Amino acid sequence: MNTTKKKAANSIVGKLTAGILSTTAVAALALAPSAVAFQGGDSVLVVGDSLEVGSGPYLRAALPGLSLDIDAERGRTSAQGVRVLAERLGPEHTVVVFPMGTNDSPSNPDALAASLAAAQQLAGGRCLVVATIARPAQGGVSAAGLNRAVETFAGQSGAQVMDWRSAVATAPGVLGRDRVHATGPGYALRGSMLAEAVQGCLLGGGLSGIPAPRDPDARPPRQRRERRAEAPARPVVLPVSAALDSLAAMIGRALAPVGAALRDARTAATKTGPEPVLGAP
C-alpha cells in the first residue's frame, strides 16, 4: 500500500473512531438513568482547569435541576485552585468538585498532596470529588507520582474519585494531539463521569470524620438524601427494529441540548501550544 493510500486509510479509521466515540458519549447521556431527583437546595461548586472549561457544559447537561457553580480557568494549578476554593465556597454548597493537578509539576507530587489536603480542610464535612490525571511526561517524569498522591488522598479521606486516567487509557480518541486536553467526545465523557461522582456524593458517599467548616456561624451542609428502595422495573422486551428506533429517538433528543455544548467544547481548552504553567516547578 503506497503512502497516499495509507494516509487515506488512516484518515477513514480516525473518523470512524471519533464518530463511534461521539455517538457513544451522546448515547450515554441520553440513556443514563437519573440517580437522584434533584429538587433544589443541593448546590455543587466545581473548581477546575481547562479540562473543566470543556467538560462544564456536559456536566450541566448530565445534572439537570441541580445548582452548579463552575469556576474553571486554563492553566490553573492545584495551589491556585485552593485559593479559588477558599474564595468561592459558600454554606449553600453541599458538594465540592476539585479535579485538579494536571497543571502541577510531576516532579513535585507533594505539592498536589498538600493542595488536596487543603481542599479537604476547606470542604469541611462536604463530599469532595477528585480525579486521577492523564498527561504526558515532563522532563522524563510521568504523572505516576501525581496519581499516587490522588489515590493516597482518596484512600485516607474517602473522597469520590473520577478515574480519568483509566478512561483515557481505555477509550481511544478521548484526548487531543497534545495528550492533555480532550476532544469534544472526550469532554462529554469527562462531564458524564464527574456527574456520576456527584451523584455518588448526593446518595451518601464521600467524606466522613472531617472537621466542621471554618466559619462556626455558617449554615451546615444539607444532609445527603438516602436512595429510596424501589422495586426494580419490569423490563420491556422490544423487537430489534423497535429498540433501534427507540435508541435513535433518545439520541436525537440528547443531541438538541448537547449540540451547542459539543461545538463549544471542541474549541474550549484545546488551543495549540502548552498550558501557560504546564509542568511548572
C-alpha atoms as a PDB file:
ATOM      1  CA  MET A   1       0.000   0.000   0.000  1.00  0.00           C
ATOM      2  CA  ASN A   2       1.516   3.327  -1.041  1.00  0.00           C
ATOM      3  CA  THR A   3       1.828   6.348   1.234  1.00  0.00           C
ATOM      4  CA  THR A   4      -1.227   8.134  -0.199  1.00  0.00           C
ATOM      5  CA  LYS A   5      -3.442   5.106   0.330  1.00  0.00           C
ATOM      6  CA  LYS A   6      -2.103   4.599   3.848  1.00  0.00           C
ATOM      7  CA  LYS A   7      -2.903   8.216   4.737  1.00  0.00           C
ATOM      8  CA  ALA A   8      -6.406   7.855   3.302  1.00  0.00           C
ATOM      9  CA  ALA A   9      -6.983   4.632   5.247  1.00  0.00           C
ATOM     10  CA  ASN A  10      -5.717   6.168   8.477  1.00  0.00           C
ATOM     11  CA  SER A  11      -7.967   9.174   7.953  1.00  0.00           C
ATOM     12  CA  ILE A  12     -11.012   6.943   7.481  1.00  0.00           C
ATOM     13  CA  VAL A  13     -10.171   4.908  10.585  1.00  0.00           C
ATOM     14  CA  GLY A  14      -9.684   8.077  12.620  1.00  0.00           C
ATOM     15  CA  LYS A  15     -13.021   9.499  11.517  1.00  0.00           C
ATOM     16  CA  LEU A  16     -14.799   6.232  12.251  1.00  0.00           C
ATOM     17  CA  THR A  17     -13.215   6.047  15.729  1.00  0.00           C
ATOM     18  CA  ALA A  18     -14.181   9.644  16.541  1.00  0.00           C
ATOM     19  CA  GLY A  19     -17.705   9.041  15.240  1.00  0.00           C
ATOM     20  CA  ILE A  20     -18.167   5.915  17.324  1.00  0.00           C
ATOM     21  CA  LEU A  21     -16.850   7.653  20.455  1.00  0.00           C
ATOM     22  CA  SER A  22     -19.065  10.691  19.853  1.00  0.00           C
ATOM     23  CA  THR A  23     -22.162   8.513  19.392  1.00  0.00           C
ATOM     24  CA  THR A  24     -21.283   6.504  22.488  1.00  0.00           C
ATOM     25  CA  ALA A  25     -20.853   9.614  24.630  1.00  0.00           C
ATOM     26  CA  VAL A  26     -24.122  11.155  23.463  1.00  0.00           C
ATOM     27  CA  ALA A  27     -25.966   7.862  23.890  1.00  0.00           C
ATOM     28  CA  ALA A  28     -24.603   7.563  27.413  1.00  0.00           C
ATOM     29  CA  LEU A  29     -26.049  10.969  28.288  1.00  0.00           C
ATOM     30  CA  ALA A  30     -29.376  10.011  26.708  1.00  0.00           C
ATOM     31  CA  LEU A  31     -29.729   6.573  28.268  1.00  0.00           C
ATOM     32  CA  ALA A  32     -28.211   7.018  31.731  1.00  0.00           C
ATOM     33  CA  PRO A  33     -30.992   6.984  34.346  1.00  0.00           C
ATOM     34  CA  SER A  34     -31.144   9.844  36.839  1.00  0.00           C
ATOM     35  CA  ALA A  35     -29.872   8.505  40.154  1.00  0.00           C
ATOM     36  CA  VAL A  36     -31.330  11.404  42.148  1.00  0.00           C
ATOM     37  CA  ALA A  37     -34.383  13.569  41.576  1.00  0.00           C
ATOM     38  CA  PHE A  38     -32.887  16.976  42.303  1.00  0.00           C
ATOM     39  CA  GLN A  39     -35.469  19.217  43.910  1.00  0.00           C
ATOM     40  CA  GLY A  40     -33.427  22.309  44.608  1.00  0.00           C
ATOM     41  CA  GLY A  41     -31.317  23.053  47.648  1.00  0.00           C
ATOM     42  CA  ASP A  42     -28.397  20.902  46.586  1.00  0.00           C
ATOM     43  CA  SER A  43     -25.597  23.032  45.192  1.00  0.00           C
ATOM     44  CA  VAL A  44     -22.242  21.948  43.757  1.00  0.00           C
ATOM     45  CA  LEU A  45     -19.071  24.013  43.471  1.00  0.00           C
ATOM     46  CA  VAL A  46     -16.657  22.936  40.724  1.00  0.00           C
ATOM     47  CA  VAL A  47     -13.121  24.350  40.748  1.00  0.00           C
ATOM     48  CA  GLY A  48     -11.138  23.250  37.725  1.00  0.00           C
ATOM     49  CA  ASP A  49      -8.712  24.000  34.931  1.00  0.00           C
ATOM     50  CA  SER A  50      -9.076  23.895  31.148  1.00  0.00           C
ATOM     51  CA  LEU A  51     -10.474  20.354  31.291  1.00  0.00           C
ATOM     52  CA  GLU A  52     -13.496  21.724  33.156  1.00  0.00           C
ATOM     53  CA  VAL A  53     -13.777  24.617  30.719  1.00  0.00           C
ATOM     54  CA  GLY A  54     -14.541  21.919  28.163  1.00  0.00           C
ATOM     55  CA  SER A  55     -16.459  19.438  30.313  1.00  0.00           C
ATOM     56  CA  GLY A  56     -18.567  22.006  32.184  1.00  0.00           C
ATOM     57  CA  PRO A  57     -21.415  22.224  29.618  1.00  0.00           C
ATOM     58  CA  TYR A  58     -21.728  18.425  29.617  1.00  0.00           C
ATOM     59  CA  LEU A  59     -21.725  18.280  33.406  1.00  0.00           C
ATOM     60  CA  ARG A  60     -24.634  20.720  33.435  1.00  0.00           C
ATOM     61  CA  ALA A  61     -26.498  18.673  30.809  1.00  0.00           C
ATOM     62  CA  ALA A  62     -25.993  15.485  32.844  1.00  0.00           C
ATOM     63  CA  LEU A  63     -27.300  17.042  36.090  1.00  0.00           C
ATOM     64  CA  PRO A  64     -30.464  18.943  35.158  1.00  0.00           C
ATOM     65  CA  GLY A  65     -32.152  20.731  38.015  1.00  0.00           C
ATOM     66  CA  LEU A  66     -29.010  20.840  40.136  1.00  0.00           C
ATOM     67  CA  SER A  67     -27.387  24.165  41.004  1.00  0.00           C
ATOM     68  CA  LEU A  68     -23.827  24.153  39.647  1.00  0.00           C
ATOM     69  CA  ASP A  69     -21.209  26.856  40.245  1.00  0.00           C
ATOM     70  CA  ILE A  70     -18.314  26.172  37.864  1.00  0.00           C
ATOM     71  CA  ASP A  71     -15.098  28.186  38.169  1.00  0.00           C
ATOM     72  CA  ALA A  72     -12.642  26.856  35.593  1.00  0.00           C
ATOM     73  CA  GLU A  73      -9.612  28.549  34.089  1.00  0.00           C
ATOM     74  CA  ARG A  74      -6.998  27.427  31.605  1.00  0.00           C
ATOM     75  CA  GLY A  75      -3.566  26.725  33.096  1.00  0.00           C
ATOM     76  CA  ARG A  76      -4.723  26.659  36.723  1.00  0.00           C
ATOM     77  CA  THR A  77      -2.570  24.663  39.163  1.00  0.00           C
ATOM     78  CA  SER A  78      -3.925  22.870  42.223  1.00  0.00           C
ATOM     79  CA  ALA A  79      -2.441  25.525  44.529  1.00  0.00           C
ATOM     80  CA  GLN A  80      -4.277  28.225  42.585  1.00  0.00           C
ATOM     81  CA  GLY A  81      -7.399  26.064  42.768  1.00  0.00           C
ATOM     82  CA  VAL A  82      -7.186  26.032  46.563  1.00  0.00           C
ATOM     83  CA  ARG A  83      -7.210  29.836  46.616  1.00  0.00           C
ATOM     84  CA  VAL A  84     -10.256  29.902  44.336  1.00  0.00           C
ATOM     85  CA  LEU A  85     -11.981  27.302  46.503  1.00  0.00           C
ATOM     86  CA  ALA A  86     -11.384  29.419  49.610  1.00  0.00           C
ATOM     87  CA  GLU A  87     -12.918  32.443  47.869  1.00  0.00           C
ATOM     88  CA  ARG A  88     -15.893  30.743  46.221  1.00  0.00           C
ATOM     89  CA  LEU A  89     -17.023  28.121  48.728  1.00  0.00           C
ATOM     90  CA  GLY A  90     -20.252  29.055  50.478  1.00  0.00           C
ATOM     91  CA  PRO A  91     -22.598  27.472  53.001  1.00  0.00           C
ATOM     92  CA  GLU A  92     -25.020  26.662  50.175  1.00  0.00           C
ATOM     93  CA  HIS A  93     -22.582  24.220  48.560  1.00  0.00           C
ATOM     94  CA  THR A  94     -23.146  20.591  49.551  1.00  0.00           C
ATOM     95  CA  VAL A  95     -20.587  19.014  47.189  1.00  0.00           C
ATOM     96  CA  VAL A  96     -17.119  20.209  46.137  1.00  0.00           C
ATOM     97  CA  VAL A  97     -15.607  19.020  42.845  1.00  0.00           C
ATOM     98  CA  PHE A  98     -11.830  19.572  42.781  1.00  0.00           C
ATOM     99  CA  PRO A  99     -10.385  17.600  39.807  1.00  0.00           C
ATOM    100  CA  MET A 100      -7.078  19.475  39.884  1.00  0.00           C
ATOM    101  CA  GLY A 101      -3.444  18.506  39.294  1.00  0.00           C
ATOM    102  CA  THR A 102      -2.997  18.310  35.522  1.00  0.00           C
ATOM    103  CA  ASN A 103      -1.009  21.558  35.509  1.00  0.00           C
ATOM    104  CA  ASP A 104       1.101  20.610  38.537  1.00  0.00           C
ATOM    105  CA  SER A 105       4.709  19.511  38.147  1.00  0.00           C
ATOM    106  CA  PRO A 106       5.015  15.704  38.054  1.00  0.00           C
ATOM    107  CA  SER A 107       8.383  16.167  39.770  1.00  0.00           C
ATOM    108  CA  ASN A 108       6.661  17.616  42.828  1.00  0.00           C
ATOM    109  CA  PRO A 109       3.647  15.422  43.721  1.00  0.00           C
ATOM    110  CA  ASP A 110       3.895  16.617  47.314  1.00  0.00           C
ATOM    111  CA  ALA A 111       2.532  19.977  46.159  1.00  0.00           C
ATOM    112  CA  LEU A 112      -0.603  18.270  44.825  1.00  0.00           C
ATOM    113  CA  ALA A 113      -0.920  16.242  48.036  1.00  0.00           C
ATOM    114  CA  ALA A 114      -0.778  19.491  50.033  1.00  0.00           C
ATOM    115  CA  SER A 115      -3.425  21.090  47.797  1.00  0.00           C
ATOM    116  CA  LEU A 116      -5.756  18.112  48.194  1.00  0.00           C
ATOM    117  CA  ALA A 117      -5.341  18.233  51.968  1.00  0.00           C
ATOM    118  CA  ALA A 118      -6.107  21.956  51.936  1.00  0.00           C
ATOM    119  CA  ALA A 119      -9.183  21.375  49.754  1.00  0.00           C
ATOM    120  CA  GLN A 120     -10.351  18.730  52.205  1.00  0.00           C
ATOM    121  CA  GLN A 121      -9.929  21.131  55.110  1.00  0.00           C
ATOM    122  CA  LEU A 122     -11.871  23.854  53.294  1.00  0.00           C
ATOM    123  CA  ALA A 123     -14.626  21.428  52.276  1.00  0.00           C
ATOM    124  CA  GLY A 124     -15.283  20.582  55.896  1.00  0.00           C
ATOM    125  CA  GLY A 125     -17.988  17.895  56.112  1.00  0.00           C
ATOM    126  CA  ARG A 126     -18.950  18.249  52.455  1.00  0.00           C
ATOM    127  CA  CYS A 127     -18.447  15.427  49.983  1.00  0.00           C
ATOM    128  CA  LEU A 128     -15.333  16.009  47.865  1.00  0.00           C
ATOM    129  CA  VAL A 129     -14.774  14.771  44.293  1.00  0.00           C
ATOM    130  CA  VAL A 130     -11.214  14.472  42.934  1.00  0.00           C
ATOM    131  CA  ALA A 131      -9.826  12.969  39.726  1.00  0.00           C
ATOM    132  CA  THR A 132      -6.866  10.953  38.503  1.00  0.00           C
ATOM    133  CA  ILE A 133      -4.623  12.604  35.926  1.00  0.00           C
ATOM    134  CA  ALA A 134      -3.747  11.841  32.313  1.00  0.00           C
ATOM    135  CA  ARG A 135      -0.907  13.869  30.795  1.00  0.00           C
ATOM    136  CA  PRO A 136       2.442  13.257  29.098  1.00  0.00           C
ATOM    137  CA  ALA A 137       5.724  13.101  30.973  1.00  0.00           C
ATOM    138  CA  GLN A 138       7.550  16.328  31.786  1.00  0.00           C
ATOM    139  CA  GLY A 139      11.366  16.136  31.598  1.00  0.00           C
ATOM    140  CA  GLY A 140      11.149  12.353  31.594  1.00  0.00           C
ATOM    141  CA  VAL A 141       8.924  12.283  34.704  1.00  0.00           C
ATOM    142  CA  SER A 142       5.490  10.726  34.242  1.00  0.00           C
ATOM    143  CA  ALA A 143       2.258  11.573  36.037  1.00  0.00           C
ATOM    144  CA  ALA A 144       2.556   8.416  38.174  1.00  0.00           C
ATOM    145  CA  GLY A 145       3.567  10.401  41.268  1.00  0.00           C
ATOM    146  CA  LEU A 146       0.662  12.796  40.836  1.00  0.00           C
ATOM    147  CA  ASN A 147      -1.743   9.878  40.564  1.00  0.00           C
ATOM    148  CA  ARG A 148      -0.274   8.238  43.651  1.00  0.00           C
ATOM    149  CA  ALA A 149      -0.931  11.488  45.515  1.00  0.00           C
ATOM    150  CA  VAL A 150      -4.566  11.411  44.386  1.00  0.00           C
ATOM    151  CA  GLU A 151      -5.013   7.741  45.245  1.00  0.00           C
ATOM    152  CA  THR A 152      -3.362   8.075  48.654  1.00  0.00           C
ATOM    153  CA  PHE A 153      -5.505  11.079  49.481  1.00  0.00           C
ATOM    154  CA  ALA A 154      -8.696   9.313  48.414  1.00  0.00           C
ATOM    155  CA  GLY A 155      -7.809   6.230  50.421  1.00  0.00           C
ATOM    156  CA  GLN A 156      -7.285   8.298  53.555  1.00  0.00           C
ATOM    157  CA  SER A 157     -10.178  10.732  53.151  1.00  0.00           C
ATOM    158  CA  GLY A 158     -12.893   8.677  51.479  1.00  0.00           C
ATOM    159  CA  ALA A 159     -13.296  11.234  48.679  1.00  0.00           C
ATOM    160  CA  GLN A 160     -15.109  10.275  45.495  1.00  0.00           C
ATOM    161  CA  VAL A 161     -12.606   9.605  42.692  1.00  0.00           C
ATOM    162  CA  MET A 162     -13.312  10.149  38.997  1.00  0.00           C
ATOM    163  CA  ASP A 163     -10.782   7.857  37.290  1.00  0.00           C
ATOM    164  CA  TRP A 164      -9.903   9.928  34.227  1.00  0.00           C
ATOM    165  CA  ARG A 165      -6.570   8.151  33.752  1.00  0.00           C
ATOM    166  CA  SER A 166      -8.281   4.786  33.214  1.00  0.00           C
ATOM    167  CA  ALA A 167     -10.899   6.296  30.910  1.00  0.00           C
ATOM    168  CA  VAL A 168      -8.192   7.802  28.711  1.00  0.00           C
ATOM    169  CA  ALA A 169      -6.287   4.511  28.601  1.00  0.00           C
ATOM    170  CA  THR A 170      -9.418   2.539  27.711  1.00  0.00           C
ATOM    171  CA  ALA A 171     -11.211   4.726  25.166  1.00  0.00           C
ATOM    172  CA  PRO A 172      -9.309   5.819  22.038  1.00  0.00           C
ATOM    173  CA  GLY A 173      -9.963   9.329  20.822  1.00  0.00           C
ATOM    174  CA  VAL A 174     -10.621  10.827  24.265  1.00  0.00           C
ATOM    175  CA  LEU A 175      -7.566  13.115  24.196  1.00  0.00           C
ATOM    176  CA  GLY A 176      -6.411  15.514  21.513  1.00  0.00           C
ATOM    177  CA  ARG A 177      -2.999  15.705  19.916  1.00  0.00           C
ATOM    178  CA  ASP A 178      -1.356  17.342  22.925  1.00  0.00           C
ATOM    179  CA  ARG A 179      -2.400  14.337  25.090  1.00  0.00           C
ATOM    180  CA  VAL A 180      -3.632  16.744  27.775  1.00  0.00           C
ATOM    181  CA  HIS A 181      -6.862  18.291  26.527  1.00  0.00           C
ATOM    182  CA  ALA A 182      -9.853  16.237  25.477  1.00  0.00           C
ATOM    183  CA  THR A 183     -11.639  16.022  22.167  1.00  0.00           C
ATOM    184  CA  GLY A 184     -15.309  17.063  22.011  1.00  0.00           C
ATOM    185  CA  PRO A 185     -16.495  13.492  22.742  1.00  0.00           C
ATOM    186  CA  GLY A 186     -13.806  13.252  25.429  1.00  0.00           C
ATOM    187  CA  TYR A 187     -15.218  16.283  27.216  1.00  0.00           C
ATOM    188  CA  ALA A 188     -18.679  14.725  27.024  1.00  0.00           C
ATOM    189  CA  LEU A 189     -17.292  11.579  28.627  1.00  0.00           C
ATOM    190  CA  ARG A 190     -15.481  13.527  31.348  1.00  0.00           C
ATOM    191  CA  GLY A 191     -18.616  15.525  32.125  1.00  0.00           C
ATOM    192  CA  SER A 192     -20.715  12.381  32.478  1.00  0.00           C
ATOM    193  CA  MET A 193     -18.071  10.769  34.733  1.00  0.00           C
ATOM    194  CA  LEU A 194     -17.977  13.818  37.001  1.00  0.00           C
ATOM    195  CA  ALA A 195     -21.779  13.786  37.104  1.00  0.00           C
ATOM    196  CA  GLU A 196     -21.714  10.173  38.266  1.00  0.00           C
ATOM    197  CA  ALA A 197     -19.284  11.073  41.056  1.00  0.00           C
ATOM    198  CA  VAL A 198     -21.501  13.987  42.147  1.00  0.00           C
ATOM    199  CA  GLN A 199     -24.493  11.668  42.229  1.00  0.00           C
ATOM    200  CA  GLY A 200     -22.457   9.296  44.396  1.00  0.00           C
ATOM    201  CA  CYS A 201     -21.936  12.160  46.830  1.00  0.00           C
ATOM    202  CA  LEU A 202     -25.611  13.048  46.936  1.00  0.00           C
ATOM    203  CA  LEU A 203     -26.524   9.411  47.552  1.00  0.00           C
ATOM    204  CA  GLY A 204     -24.420   9.292  50.678  1.00  0.00           C
ATOM    205  CA  GLY A 205     -20.827   8.693  49.541  1.00  0.00           C
ATOM    206  CA  GLY A 206     -17.816  10.835  50.332  1.00  0.00           C
ATOM    207  CA  LEU A 207     -16.051  12.272  53.316  1.00  0.00           C
ATOM    208  CA  SER A 208     -16.526  11.303  56.930  1.00  0.00           C
ATOM    209  CA  GLY A 209     -14.882  12.483  60.123  1.00  0.00           C
ATOM    210  CA  ILE A 210     -13.745  15.774  58.583  1.00  0.00           C
ATOM    211  CA  PRO A 211     -13.558  18.930  60.729  1.00  0.00           C
ATOM    212  CA  ALA A 212     -16.512  21.304  60.558  1.00  0.00           C
ATOM    213  CA  PRO A 213     -16.350  24.295  58.172  1.00  0.00           C
ATOM    214  CA  ARG A 214     -14.131  27.142  59.326  1.00  0.00           C
ATOM    215  CA  ASP A 215     -16.976  29.581  59.881  1.00  0.00           C
ATOM    216  CA  PRO A 216     -18.905  28.482  63.007  1.00  0.00           C
ATOM    217  CA  ASP A 217     -21.829  30.729  62.035  1.00  0.00           C
ATOM    218  CA  ALA A 218     -22.162  29.206  58.556  1.00  0.00           C
ATOM    219  CA  ARG A 219     -25.181  27.040  57.856  1.00  0.00           C
ATOM    220  CA  PRO A 220     -24.021  23.388  57.897  1.00  0.00           C
ATOM    221  CA  PRO A 221     -24.237  21.488  54.618  1.00  0.00           C
ATOM    222  CA  ARG A 222     -27.541  19.776  53.964  1.00  0.00           C
ATOM    223  CA  GLN A 223     -27.667  16.102  54.756  1.00  0.00           C
ATOM    224  CA  ARG A 224     -27.364  13.994  51.651  1.00  0.00           C
ATOM    225  CA  ARG A 225     -30.518  12.112  50.762  1.00  0.00           C
ATOM    226  CA  GLU A 226     -30.553   8.353  51.018  1.00  0.00           C
ATOM    227  CA  ARG A 227     -31.568   6.355  47.996  1.00  0.00           C
ATOM    228  CA  ARG A 228     -35.155   5.206  48.377  1.00  0.00           C
ATOM    229  CA  ALA A 229     -35.683   1.496  47.962  1.00  0.00           C
ATOM    230  CA  GLU A 230     -37.740   0.882  44.862  1.00  0.00           C
ATOM    231  CA  ALA A 231     -38.907  -2.310  43.229  1.00  0.00           C
ATOM    232  CA  PRO A 232     -36.964  -2.921  40.021  1.00  0.00           C
ATOM    233  CA  ALA A 233     -38.918  -2.005  36.955  1.00  0.00           C
ATOM    234  CA  ARG A 234     -40.056  -4.925  34.843  1.00  0.00           C
ATOM    235  CA  PRO A 235     -38.061  -4.886  31.600  1.00  0.00           C
ATOM    236  CA  VAL A 236     -39.946  -4.288  28.397  1.00  0.00           C
ATOM    237  CA  VAL A 237     -38.839  -6.556  25.572  1.00  0.00           C
ATOM    238  CA  LEU A 238     -38.994  -4.824  22.224  1.00  0.00           C
ATOM    239  CA  PRO A 239     -38.439  -6.192  18.741  1.00  0.00           C
ATOM    240  CA  VAL A 240     -34.987  -5.334  17.437  1.00  0.00           C
ATOM    241  CA  SER A 241     -36.312  -2.743  14.984  1.00  0.00           C
ATOM    242  CA  ALA A 242     -38.380  -1.041  17.677  1.00  0.00           C
ATOM    243  CA  ALA A 243     -35.409  -0.991  20.067  1.00  0.00           C
ATOM    244  CA  LEU A 244     -33.216   0.638  17.423  1.00  0.00           C
ATOM    245  CA  ASP A 245     -35.889   3.226  16.673  1.00  0.00           C
ATOM    246  CA  SER A 246     -36.197   3.985  20.390  1.00  0.00           C
ATOM    247  CA  LEU A 247     -32.424   4.377  20.750  1.00  0.00           C
ATOM    248  CA  ALA A 248     -32.277   6.668  17.719  1.00  0.00           C
ATOM    249  CA  ALA A 249     -35.053   8.823  19.158  1.00  0.00           C
ATOM    250  CA  MET A 250     -33.297   9.146  22.524  1.00  0.00           C
ATOM    251  CA  ILE A 251     -30.004  10.057  20.862  1.00  0.00           C
ATOM    252  CA  GLY A 252     -31.854  12.653  18.801  1.00  0.00           C
ATOM    253  CA  ARG A 253     -33.360  14.190  21.931  1.00  0.00           C
ATOM    254  CA  ALA A 254     -29.944  14.263  23.593  1.00  0.00           C
ATOM    255  CA  LEU A 255     -28.344  15.994  20.627  1.00  0.00           C
ATOM    256  CA  ALA A 256     -30.592  19.036  20.925  1.00  0.00           C
ATOM    257  CA  PRO A 257     -29.389  20.334  24.334  1.00  0.00           C
ATOM    258  CA  VAL A 258     -25.881  18.946  23.960  1.00  0.00           C
ATOM    259  CA  GLY A 259     -25.151  20.056  20.410  1.00  0.00           C
ATOM    260  CA  ALA A 260     -24.178  23.601  21.334  1.00  0.00           C
ATOM    261  CA  ALA A 261     -22.049  22.322  24.194  1.00  0.00           C
ATOM    262  CA  LEU A 262     -20.258  19.967  21.823  1.00  0.00           C
ATOM    263  CA  ARG A 263     -19.374  22.825  19.485  1.00  0.00           C
ATOM    264  CA  ASP A 264     -18.094  24.898  22.381  1.00  0.00           C
ATOM    265  CA  ALA A 265     -16.061  22.068  23.893  1.00  0.00           C
ATOM    266  CA  ARG A 266     -14.332  21.331  20.598  1.00  0.00           C
ATOM    267  CA  THR A 267     -12.672  24.724  20.796  1.00  0.00           C
ATOM    268  CA  ALA A 268     -12.593  25.381  24.553  1.00  0.00           C
ATOM    269  CA  ALA A 269      -9.298  24.442  26.172  1.00  0.00           C
ATOM    270  CA  THR A 270      -7.886  22.841  23.009  1.00  0.00           C
ATOM    271  CA  LYS A 271      -5.764  25.666  21.652  1.00  0.00           C
ATOM    272  CA  THR A 272      -2.384  24.796  20.255  1.00  0.00           C
ATOM    273  CA  GLY A 273       0.655  25.192  22.444  1.00  0.00           C
ATOM    274  CA  PRO A 274       1.373  24.148  26.016  1.00  0.00           C
ATOM    275  CA  GLU A 275      -0.523  25.303  29.068  1.00  0.00           C
ATOM    276  CA  PRO A 276       0.945  28.555  30.457  1.00  0.00           C
ATOM    277  CA  VAL A 277       2.119  26.724  33.585  1.00  0.00           C
ATOM    278  CA  LEU A 278       2.009  23.090  32.470  1.00  0.00           C
ATOM    279  CA  GLY A 279       4.794  21.312  34.296  1.00  0.00           C
ATOM    280  CA  ALA A 280       5.916  24.428  36.133  1.00  0.00           C
ATOM    281  CA  PRO A 281       8.088  23.643  39.181  1.00  0.00           C
END
